[in-house]
Amino acid sequence: MKPSEIRSLRERMGETQVEFARRLHIEQSALSKLERGENGPAGPTLELLRQLQGAMRPGGQQANGNTDIESGIDRLLEAHRELSACHRRLLASQAGVQAAILSFIDREPDETGQWIVRGAGFEATVTIDGAGFVAVEISPRRPVAPTSR
């Protein structure tokens, strides 16, 4: 789908970039890049754009008696349900990872809100932000030479 088609579709729907981005389940900045041609739509975003484009196309009756718009709305609702299910699975997976990390780390974070996990040959810094996103930075660790007494 061309950048001009994406913008035209949004404008025909009478939506701002913020509203249209929300409909597509993407950030407004990502939509802006799509409309400028800096990025191309992919995956669920491309599918939703195609479905919206089909729903906005004037047309006659289909074999089931629905208009193109009614069928487009049905396809959009189905796509939205699929995206919502994917989002719920992602959140459940994220919660599982977070729980696994937190069960491994049995102490409070340091003053910066991070946990330092040291293992044989590595050191991992674990950070969980306010939205629950987990960031793990792993770096090699040099063995500490034993000191003699």
C-alpha atoms as a PDB file:
ATOM      1  CA  MET A   1       0.000   0.000   0.000  1.00  0.00           C
ATOM      2  CA  LYS A   2       1.414   3.361  -1.038  1.00  0.00           C
ATOM      3  CA  PRO A   3       1.958   6.183   1.481  1.00  0.00           C
ATOM      4  CA  SER A   4      -0.481   8.417  -0.430  1.00  0.00           C
ATOM      5  CA  GLU A   5      -3.142   5.687  -0.218  1.00  0.00           C
ATOM      6  CA  ILE A   6      -2.717   5.431   3.555  1.00  0.00           C
ATOM      7  CA  ARG A   7      -3.105   9.171   4.016  1.00  0.00           C
ATOM      8  CA  SER A   8      -6.032   9.322   1.588  1.00  0.00           C
ATOM      9  CA  LEU A   9      -7.773   6.495   3.444  1.00  0.00           C
ATOM     10  CA  ARG A  10      -7.319   8.260   6.784  1.00  0.00           C
ATOM     11  CA  GLU A  11      -8.620  11.528   5.367  1.00  0.00           C
ATOM     12  CA  ARG A  12     -11.657   9.841   3.746  1.00  0.00           C
ATOM     13  CA  MET A  13     -12.460   8.369   7.144  1.00  0.00           C
ATOM     14  CA  GLY A  14     -12.234  11.849   8.636  1.00  0.00           C
ATOM     15  CA  GLU A  15      -9.721  10.854  11.281  1.00  0.00           C
ATOM     16  CA  THR A  16      -6.637  12.551  12.676  1.00  0.00           C
ATOM     17  CA  GLN A  17      -3.337  10.700  12.710  1.00  0.00           C
ATOM     18  CA  VAL A  18      -3.812  10.003  16.420  1.00  0.00           C
ATOM     19  CA  GLU A  19      -7.296   8.524  15.882  1.00  0.00           C
ATOM     20  CA  PHE A  20      -6.255   6.483  12.852  1.00  0.00           C
ATOM     21  CA  ALA A  21      -3.101   5.208  14.576  1.00  0.00           C
ATOM     22  CA  ARG A  22      -5.197   4.084  17.538  1.00  0.00           C
ATOM     23  CA  ARG A  23      -7.515   2.220  15.140  1.00  0.00           C
ATOM     24  CA  LEU A  24      -4.462   0.464  13.646  1.00  0.00           C
ATOM     25  CA  HIS A  25      -2.989  -0.316  17.094  1.00  0.00           C
ATOM     26  CA  ILE A  26       0.211   1.621  16.335  1.00  0.00           C
ATOM     27  CA  GLU A  27       1.785   4.840  17.601  1.00  0.00           C
ATOM     28  CA  GLN A  28       1.046   8.139  15.849  1.00  0.00           C
ATOM     29  CA  SER A  29       4.737   8.504  14.999  1.00  0.00           C
ATOM     30  CA  ALA A  30       4.643   5.113  13.230  1.00  0.00           C
ATOM     31  CA  LEU A  31       1.604   6.224  11.200  1.00  0.00           C
ATOM     32  CA  SER A  32       3.379   9.437  10.278  1.00  0.00           C
ATOM     33  CA  LYS A  33       6.324   7.420   8.947  1.00  0.00           C
ATOM     34  CA  LEU A  34       3.930   5.218   6.947  1.00  0.00           C
ATOM     35  CA  GLU A  35       2.290   8.274   5.393  1.00  0.00           C
ATOM     36  CA  ARG A  36       5.690   9.776   4.503  1.00  0.00           C
ATOM     37  CA  GLY A  37       6.936   6.492   3.034  1.00  0.00           C
ATOM     38  CA  GLU A  38       9.756   6.105   5.559  1.00  0.00           C
ATOM     39  CA  ASN A  39       8.397   2.690   6.580  1.00  0.00           C
ATOM     40  CA  GLY A  40       6.021   0.284   4.897  1.00  0.00           C
ATOM     41  CA  PRO A  41       3.072  -1.369   6.629  1.00  0.00           C
ATOM     42  CA  ALA A  42       3.484  -5.032   7.527  1.00  0.00           C
ATOM     43  CA  GLY A  43       1.674  -7.824   9.319  1.00  0.00           C
ATOM     44  CA  PRO A  44      -1.540  -6.939  11.167  1.00  0.00           C
ATOM     45  CA  THR A  45      -1.194  -3.238  10.281  1.00  0.00           C
ATOM     46  CA  LEU A  46      -1.108  -3.989   6.558  1.00  0.00           C
ATOM     47  CA  GLU A  47      -4.069  -6.343   6.910  1.00  0.00           C
ATOM     48  CA  LEU A  48      -6.121  -3.730   8.766  1.00  0.00           C
ATOM     49  CA  LEU A  49      -5.245  -1.086   6.166  1.00  0.00           C
ATOM     50  CA  ARG A  50      -6.354  -3.405   3.352  1.00  0.00           C
ATOM     51  CA  GLN A  51      -9.577  -4.181   5.152  1.00  0.00           C
ATOM     52  CA  LEU A  52     -10.274  -0.514   5.809  1.00  0.00           C
ATOM     53  CA  GLN A  53      -9.524   0.266   2.184  1.00  0.00           C
ATOM     54  CA  GLY A  54     -11.959  -2.457   1.094  1.00  0.00           C
ATOM     55  CA  ALA A  55     -14.622  -1.189   3.472  1.00  0.00           C
ATOM     56  CA  MET A  56     -14.308   2.356   2.146  1.00  0.00           C
ATOM     57  CA  ARG A  57     -14.565   1.269  -1.510  1.00  0.00           C
ATOM     58  CA  PRO A  58     -18.015   1.978  -2.946  1.00  0.00           C
ATOM     59  CA  GLY A  59     -19.672  -1.177  -4.200  1.00  0.00           C
ATOM     60  CA  GLY A  60     -22.791  -3.185  -4.632  1.00  0.00           C
ATOM     61  CA  GLN A  61     -24.262  -6.155  -2.892  1.00  0.00           C
ATOM     62  CA  GLN A  62     -22.240  -9.259  -2.243  1.00  0.00           C
ATOM     63  CA  ALA A  63     -23.533 -12.818  -2.552  1.00  0.00           C
ATOM     64  CA  ASN A  64     -24.567 -12.862   1.129  1.00  0.00           C
ATOM     65  CA  GLY A  65     -26.628  -9.683   0.686  1.00  0.00           C
ATOM     66  CA  ASN A  66     -24.189  -7.486   2.572  1.00  0.00           C
ATOM     67  CA  THR A  67     -22.753  -4.356   1.085  1.00  0.00           C
ATOM     68  CA  ASP A  68     -18.994  -4.013   0.755  1.00  0.00           C
ATOM     69  CA  ILE A  69     -19.017  -1.677   3.745  1.00  0.00           C
ATOM     70  CA  GLU A  70     -20.922  -4.153   5.929  1.00  0.00           C
ATOM     71  CA  SER A  71     -18.574  -6.955   4.925  1.00  0.00           C
ATOM     72  CA  GLY A  72     -15.591  -4.664   5.499  1.00  0.00           C
ATOM     73  CA  ILE A  73     -16.829  -3.822   8.967  1.00  0.00           C
ATOM     74  CA  ASP A  74     -17.266  -7.525   9.727  1.00  0.00           C
ATOM     75  CA  ARG A  75     -13.693  -8.215   8.543  1.00  0.00           C
ATOM     76  CA  LEU A  76     -12.413  -5.306  10.618  1.00  0.00           C
ATOM     77  CA  LEU A  77     -14.160  -6.544  13.735  1.00  0.00           C
ATOM     78  CA  GLU A  78     -12.691 -10.011  13.215  1.00  0.00           C
ATOM     79  CA  ALA A  79      -9.207  -8.548  12.698  1.00  0.00           C
ATOM     80  CA  HIS A  80      -9.658  -6.453  15.844  1.00  0.00           C
ATOM     81  CA  ARG A  81     -10.635  -9.554  17.830  1.00  0.00           C
ATOM     82  CA  GLU A  82      -7.540 -11.361  16.527  1.00  0.00           C
ATOM     83  CA  LEU A  83      -5.278  -8.432  17.453  1.00  0.00           C
ATOM     84  CA  SER A  84      -6.836  -8.230  20.913  1.00  0.00           C
ATOM     85  CA  ALA A  85      -6.236 -11.953  21.450  1.00  0.00           C
ATOM     86  CA  CYS A  86      -2.596 -11.556  20.316  1.00  0.00           C
ATOM     87  CA  HIS A  87      -2.194  -8.603  22.682  1.00  0.00           C
ATOM     88  CA  ARG A  88      -3.596 -10.610  25.615  1.00  0.00           C
ATOM     89  CA  ARG A  89      -1.217 -13.503  24.844  1.00  0.00           C
ATOM     90  CA  LEU A  90       1.704 -11.070  24.669  1.00  0.00           C
ATOM     91  CA  LEU A  91       0.805  -9.551  28.036  1.00  0.00           C
ATOM     92  CA  ALA A  92       0.463 -13.021  29.598  1.00  0.00           C
ATOM     93  CA  SER A  93       3.839 -14.012  28.191  1.00  0.00           C
ATOM     94  CA  GLN A  94       5.402 -10.802  29.471  1.00  0.00           C
ATOM     95  CA  ALA A  95       3.910 -11.395  32.919  1.00  0.00           C
ATOM     96  CA  GLY A  96       5.354 -14.933  32.892  1.00  0.00           C
ATOM     97  CA  VAL A  97       8.828 -13.667  32.038  1.00  0.00           C
ATOM     98  CA  GLN A  98       8.574 -10.977  34.685  1.00  0.00           C
ATOM     99  CA  ALA A  99       7.450 -13.521  37.298  1.00  0.00           C
ATOM    100  CA  ALA A 100      10.316 -15.856  36.372  1.00  0.00           C
ATOM    101  CA  ILE A 101      12.856 -13.061  36.703  1.00  0.00           C
ATOM    102  CA  LEU A 102      11.364 -11.852  39.968  1.00  0.00           C
ATOM    103  CA  SER A 103      11.312 -15.375  41.421  1.00  0.00           C
ATOM    104  CA  PHE A 104      14.996 -15.687  40.524  1.00  0.00           C
ATOM    105  CA  ILE A 105      15.774 -12.351  42.131  1.00  0.00           C
ATOM    106  CA  ASP A 106      14.857 -12.710  45.771  1.00  0.00           C
ATOM    107  CA  ARG A 107      15.756  -9.252  46.965  1.00  0.00           C
ATOM    108  CA  GLU A 108      14.669  -5.671  46.489  1.00  0.00           C
ATOM    109  CA  PRO A 109      16.123  -3.630  43.614  1.00  0.00           C
ATOM    110  CA  ASP A 110      18.976  -1.224  44.247  1.00  0.00           C
ATOM    111  CA  GLU A 111      18.463   2.547  44.509  1.00  0.00           C
ATOM    112  CA  THR A 112      18.227   2.867  40.706  1.00  0.00           C
ATOM    113  CA  GLY A 113      15.388   0.319  40.548  1.00  0.00           C
ATOM    114  CA  GLN A 114      17.591  -2.375  39.012  1.00  0.00           C
ATOM    115  CA  TRP A 115      18.631  -5.836  40.022  1.00  0.00           C
ATOM    116  CA  ILE A 116      22.145  -7.049  39.371  1.00  0.00           C
ATOM    117  CA  VAL A 117      22.362 -10.788  38.831  1.00  0.00           C
ATOM    118  CA  ARG A 118      25.839 -12.301  38.792  1.00  0.00           C
ATOM    119  CA  GLY A 119      26.499 -15.756  37.475  1.00  0.00           C
ATOM    120  CA  ALA A 120      29.455 -17.788  36.305  1.00  0.00           C
ATOM    121  CA  GLY A 121      31.004 -15.628  33.607  1.00  0.00           C
ATOM    122  CA  PHE A 122      28.204 -13.085  33.261  1.00  0.00           C
ATOM    123  CA  GLU A 123      26.498 -10.174  34.927  1.00  0.00           C
ATOM    124  CA  ALA A 124      22.926  -9.225  34.090  1.00  0.00           C
ATOM    125  CA  THR A 125      21.230  -5.948  34.886  1.00  0.00           C
ATOM    126  CA  VAL A 126      17.451  -6.299  35.066  1.00  0.00           C
ATOM    127  CA  THR A 127      15.167  -3.275  34.926  1.00  0.00           C
ATOM    128  CA  ILE A 128      11.357  -3.251  35.015  1.00  0.00           C
ATOM    129  CA  ASP A 129       9.807   0.072  34.055  1.00  0.00           C
ATOM    130  CA  GLY A 130       6.497   1.505  35.260  1.00  0.00           C
ATOM    131  CA  ALA A 131       4.610  -0.123  32.371  1.00  0.00           C
ATOM    132  CA  GLY A 132       5.970  -3.544  33.325  1.00  0.00           C
ATOM    133  CA  PHE A 133       8.433  -3.851  30.456  1.00  0.00           C
ATOM    134  CA  VAL A 134      11.485  -5.891  31.348  1.00  0.00           C
ATOM    135  CA  ALA A 135      14.925  -4.967  30.039  1.00  0.00           C
ATOM    136  CA  VAL A 136      17.838  -7.289  30.576  1.00  0.00           C
ATOM    137  CA  GLU A 137      21.391  -6.295  29.740  1.00  0.00           C
ATOM    138  CA  ILE A 138      23.886  -9.136  29.904  1.00  0.00           C
ATOM    139  CA  SER A 139      27.629  -8.612  29.859  1.00  0.00           C
ATOM    140  CA  PRO A 140      30.569 -10.981  30.301  1.00  0.00           C
ATOM    141  CA  ARG A 141      32.243 -10.930  33.663  1.00  0.00           C
ATOM    142  CA  ARG A 142      35.886 -11.572  34.337  1.00  0.00           C
ATOM    143  CA  PRO A 143      36.582 -14.059  37.052  1.00  0.00           C
ATOM    144  CA  VAL A 144      37.903 -12.493  40.221  1.00  0.00           C
ATOM    145  CA  ALA A 145      41.313 -13.834  41.180  1.00  0.00           C
ATOM    146  CA  PRO A 146      41.398 -15.203  44.732  1.00  0.00           C
ATOM    147  CA  THR A 147      43.353 -13.088  47.158  1.00  0.00           C
ATOM    148  CA  SER A 148      46.062 -14.677  49.275  1.00  0.00           C
ATOM    149  CA  ARG A 149      46.265 -14.103  53.001  1.00  0.00           C
END
